[in-house]
C-alpha atoms as a PDB file:
ATOM      1  CA  UNK A   1      27.454 -86.988 -53.714  1.00  0.00           C
ATOM      2  CA  UNK A   2      25.767 -88.631 -50.802  1.00  0.00           C
ATOM      3  CA  UNK A   3      24.679 -86.871 -47.677  1.00  0.00           C
ATOM      4  CA  UNK A   4      24.517 -88.712 -44.406  1.00  0.00           C
ATOM      5  CA  UNK A   5      21.384 -88.246 -42.334  1.00  0.00           C
ATOM      6  CA  UNK A   6      21.894 -86.341 -39.091  1.00  0.00           C
ATOM      7  CA  UNK A   7      21.295 -88.675 -36.189  1.00  0.00           C
ATOM      8  CA  UNK A   8      18.671 -87.748 -33.608  1.00  0.00           C
ATOM      9  CA  UNK A   9      21.143 -86.816 -30.851  1.00  0.00           C
ATOM     10  CA  UNK A  10      22.761 -84.222 -33.138  1.00  0.00           C
ATOM     11  CA  UNK A  11      19.316 -82.835 -34.014  1.00  0.00           C
ATOM     12  CA  UNK A  12      18.474 -82.543 -30.335  1.00  0.00           C
ATOM     13  CA  UNK A  13      21.777 -80.802 -29.657  1.00  0.00           C
ATOM     14  CA  UNK A  14      21.240 -78.354 -32.536  1.00  0.00           C
ATOM     15  CA  UNK A  15      17.658 -77.667 -31.378  1.00  0.00           C
ATOM     16  CA  UNK A  16      18.761 -77.051 -27.794  1.00  0.00           C
ATOM     17  CA  UNK A  17      21.541 -74.716 -28.907  1.00  0.00           C
ATOM     18  CA  UNK A  18      19.112 -72.728 -31.067  1.00  0.00           C
ATOM     19  CA  UNK A  19      16.576 -72.579 -28.237  1.00  0.00           C
ATOM     20  CA  UNK A  20      19.288 -71.372 -25.852  1.00  0.00           C
ATOM     21  CA  UNK A  21      20.301 -68.554 -28.182  1.00  0.00           C
ATOM     22  CA  UNK A  22      16.651 -67.545 -28.530  1.00  0.00           C
ATOM     23  CA  UNK A  23      16.236 -67.587 -24.749  1.00  0.00           C
ATOM     24  CA  UNK A  24      19.286 -65.379 -24.280  1.00  0.00           C
ATOM     25  CA  UNK A  25      18.001 -62.897 -26.850  1.00  0.00           C
ATOM     26  CA  UNK A  26      14.625 -62.669 -25.114  1.00  0.00           C
ATOM     27  CA  UNK A  27      16.204 -62.698 -21.664  1.00  0.00           C
ATOM     28  CA  UNK A  28      18.432 -59.725 -22.483  1.00  0.00           C
ATOM     29  CA  UNK A  29      15.424 -57.552 -23.313  1.00  0.00           C
ATOM     30  CA  UNK A  30      14.174 -58.045 -19.747  1.00  0.00           C
ATOM     31  CA  UNK A  31      17.424 -56.651 -18.404  1.00  0.00           C
ATOM     32  CA  UNK A  32      17.217 -53.677 -20.747  1.00  0.00           C
ATOM     33  CA  UNK A  33      13.713 -52.903 -19.491  1.00  0.00           C
ATOM     34  CA  UNK A  34      14.617 -53.555 -15.854  1.00  0.00           C
ATOM     35  CA  UNK A  35      17.483 -51.056 -16.052  1.00  0.00           C
ATOM     36  CA  UNK A  36      15.064 -48.137 -16.434  1.00  0.00           C
ATOM     37  CA  UNK A  37      14.554 -45.798 -13.515  1.00  0.00           C
ATOM     38  CA  UNK A  38      10.995 -45.559 -12.229  1.00  0.00           C
ATOM     39  CA  UNK A  39       9.401 -42.185 -12.869  1.00  0.00           C
ATOM     40  CA  UNK A  40       6.911 -40.762 -10.367  1.00  0.00           C
ATOM     41  CA  UNK A  41       5.030 -39.148 -13.263  1.00  0.00           C
ATOM     42  CA  UNK A  42       4.268 -42.441 -15.062  1.00  0.00           C
ATOM     43  CA  UNK A  43       0.627 -43.469 -14.566  1.00  0.00           C
ATOM     44  CA  UNK A  44       1.069 -46.632 -12.467  1.00  0.00           C
ATOM     45  CA  UNK A  45       3.769 -45.342 -10.088  1.00  0.00           C
ATOM     46  CA  UNK A  46       1.753 -42.135  -9.733  1.00  0.00           C
ATOM     47  CA  UNK A  47      -1.362 -44.154  -8.848  1.00  0.00           C
ATOM     48  CA  UNK A  48       0.689 -45.999  -6.230  1.00  0.00           C
ATOM     49  CA  UNK A  49       1.796 -42.704  -4.674  1.00  0.00           C
ATOM     50  CA  UNK A  50       5.424 -43.293  -5.657  1.00  0.00           C
ATOM     51  CA  UNK A  51       7.812 -40.530  -4.637  1.00  0.00           C
ATOM     52  CA  UNK A  52      11.561 -40.309  -5.182  1.00  0.00           C
ATOM     53  CA  UNK A  53      11.924 -39.117  -1.583  1.00  0.00           C
ATOM     54  CA  UNK A  54       9.838 -40.479   1.278  1.00  0.00           C
ATOM     55  CA  UNK A  55       9.856 -36.996   2.835  1.00  0.00           C
ATOM     56  CA  UNK A  56       7.698 -35.718  -0.068  1.00  0.00           C
ATOM     57  CA  UNK A  57       4.760 -38.071   0.698  1.00  0.00           C
ATOM     58  CA  UNK A  58       1.420 -36.412   1.436  1.00  0.00           C
ATOM     59  CA  UNK A  59       0.723 -37.305   5.089  1.00  0.00           C
ATOM     60  CA  UNK A  60      -2.956 -36.434   4.725  1.00  0.00           C
ATOM     61  CA  UNK A  61      -3.421 -38.790   1.785  1.00  0.00           C
ATOM     62  CA  UNK A  62      -1.220 -41.536   3.335  1.00  0.00           C
ATOM     63  CA  UNK A  63      -1.607 -41.181   7.134  1.00  0.00           C
ATOM     64  CA  UNK A  64       0.183 -44.483   7.925  1.00  0.00           C
ATOM     65  CA  UNK A  65       3.336 -43.306   6.138  1.00  0.00           C
ATOM     66  CA  UNK A  66       6.443 -42.420   8.140  1.00  0.00           C
ATOM     67  CA  UNK A  67       9.710 -40.939   6.879  1.00  0.00           C
ATOM     68  CA  UNK A  68      11.543 -44.144   7.905  1.00  0.00           C
ATOM     69  CA  UNK A  69       9.623 -46.048   5.200  1.00  0.00           C
ATOM     70  CA  UNK A  70      12.110 -45.533   2.379  1.00  0.00           C
ATOM     71  CA  UNK A  71      12.597 -48.160  -0.333  1.00  0.00           C
ATOM     72  CA  UNK A  72      15.716 -49.320   1.545  1.00  0.00           C
ATOM     73  CA  UNK A  73      13.469 -50.555   4.379  1.00  0.00           C
ATOM     74  CA  UNK A  74      10.968 -52.352   2.110  1.00  0.00           C
ATOM     75  CA  UNK A  75      11.059 -56.116   1.571  1.00  0.00           C
ATOM     76  CA  UNK A  76      10.352 -55.626  -2.163  1.00  0.00           C
ATOM     77  CA  UNK A  77      13.571 -53.629  -2.742  1.00  0.00           C
ATOM     78  CA  UNK A  78      16.938 -55.262  -3.330  1.00  0.00           C
ATOM     79  CA  UNK A  79      19.550 -52.555  -3.316  1.00  0.00           C
ATOM     80  CA  UNK A  80      21.363 -53.391  -0.097  1.00  0.00           C
ATOM     81  CA  UNK A  81      23.333 -50.315   0.962  1.00  0.00           C
ATOM     82  CA  UNK A  82      23.425 -48.804  -2.559  1.00  0.00           C
ATOM     83  CA  UNK A  83      21.749 -45.510  -3.441  1.00  0.00           C
ATOM     84  CA  UNK A  84      19.605 -47.276  -6.073  1.00  0.00           C
ATOM     85  CA  UNK A  85      18.134 -50.768  -6.325  1.00  0.00           C
ATOM     86  CA  UNK A  86      15.475 -52.822  -8.058  1.00  0.00           C
ATOM     87  CA  UNK A  87      11.894 -52.978  -6.816  1.00  0.00           C
ATOM     88  CA  UNK A  88      10.098 -56.262  -7.493  1.00  0.00           C
ATOM     89  CA  UNK A  89       6.707 -54.553  -7.157  1.00  0.00           C
ATOM     90  CA  UNK A  90       7.526 -52.309 -10.124  1.00  0.00           C
ATOM     91  CA  UNK A  91       8.850 -55.121 -12.327  1.00  0.00           C
ATOM     92  CA  UNK A  92      12.412 -54.646 -11.065  1.00  0.00           C
ATOM     93  CA  UNK A  93      12.576 -50.996 -12.126  1.00  0.00           C
ATOM     94  CA  UNK A  94      15.317 -48.963 -10.479  1.00  0.00           C
ATOM     95  CA  UNK A  95      14.235 -46.892  -7.498  1.00  0.00           C
ATOM     96  CA  UNK A  96      16.218 -44.768  -5.048  1.00  0.00           C
ATOM     97  CA  UNK A  97      16.755 -45.994  -1.507  1.00  0.00           C
ATOM     98  CA  UNK A  98      14.915 -42.855  -0.345  1.00  0.00           C
ATOM     99  CA  UNK A  99      11.816 -43.579  -2.476  1.00  0.00           C
ATOM    100  CA  UNK A 100       8.385 -44.681  -1.252  1.00  0.00           C
ATOM    101  CA  UNK A 101       5.061 -46.054  -2.532  1.00  0.00           C
ATOM    102  CA  UNK A 102       1.852 -47.110  -0.837  1.00  0.00           C
ATOM    103  CA  UNK A 103       2.766 -50.780  -1.304  1.00  0.00           C
ATOM    104  CA  UNK A 104       5.580 -50.407   1.253  1.00  0.00           C
ATOM    105  CA  UNK A 105       6.169 -53.671   3.168  1.00  0.00           C
ATOM    106  CA  UNK A 106       8.448 -53.626   6.192  1.00  0.00           C
ATOM    107  CA  UNK A 107      11.603 -55.626   5.510  1.00  0.00           C
ATOM    108  CA  UNK A 108      11.696 -58.742   7.642  1.00  0.00           C
ATOM    109  CA  UNK A 109      14.716 -59.151   9.881  1.00  0.00           C
END
């Protein structure tokens, strides 16, 4: 019983296929994490003044805030016209269009 050696191009193909499967497995965990809604009671969002509704922001603590500064108007949010979207500042966590944090950046036209 003789076994033929696997030529180098087959080895490369097998390696790339295995690497691709590994990448997909790791990549899917990012989407699972990114699908979580941001909680205003978690330490980092709380430190950033995150609120689910821009109307709940403390005007004394954040005097430059206006009620028009919802997540929907921030350049870091990508929800379009949806009620919820992903915020790149919070690692693509889901935030409501009405939310706000002190890292608000006016969306460029």
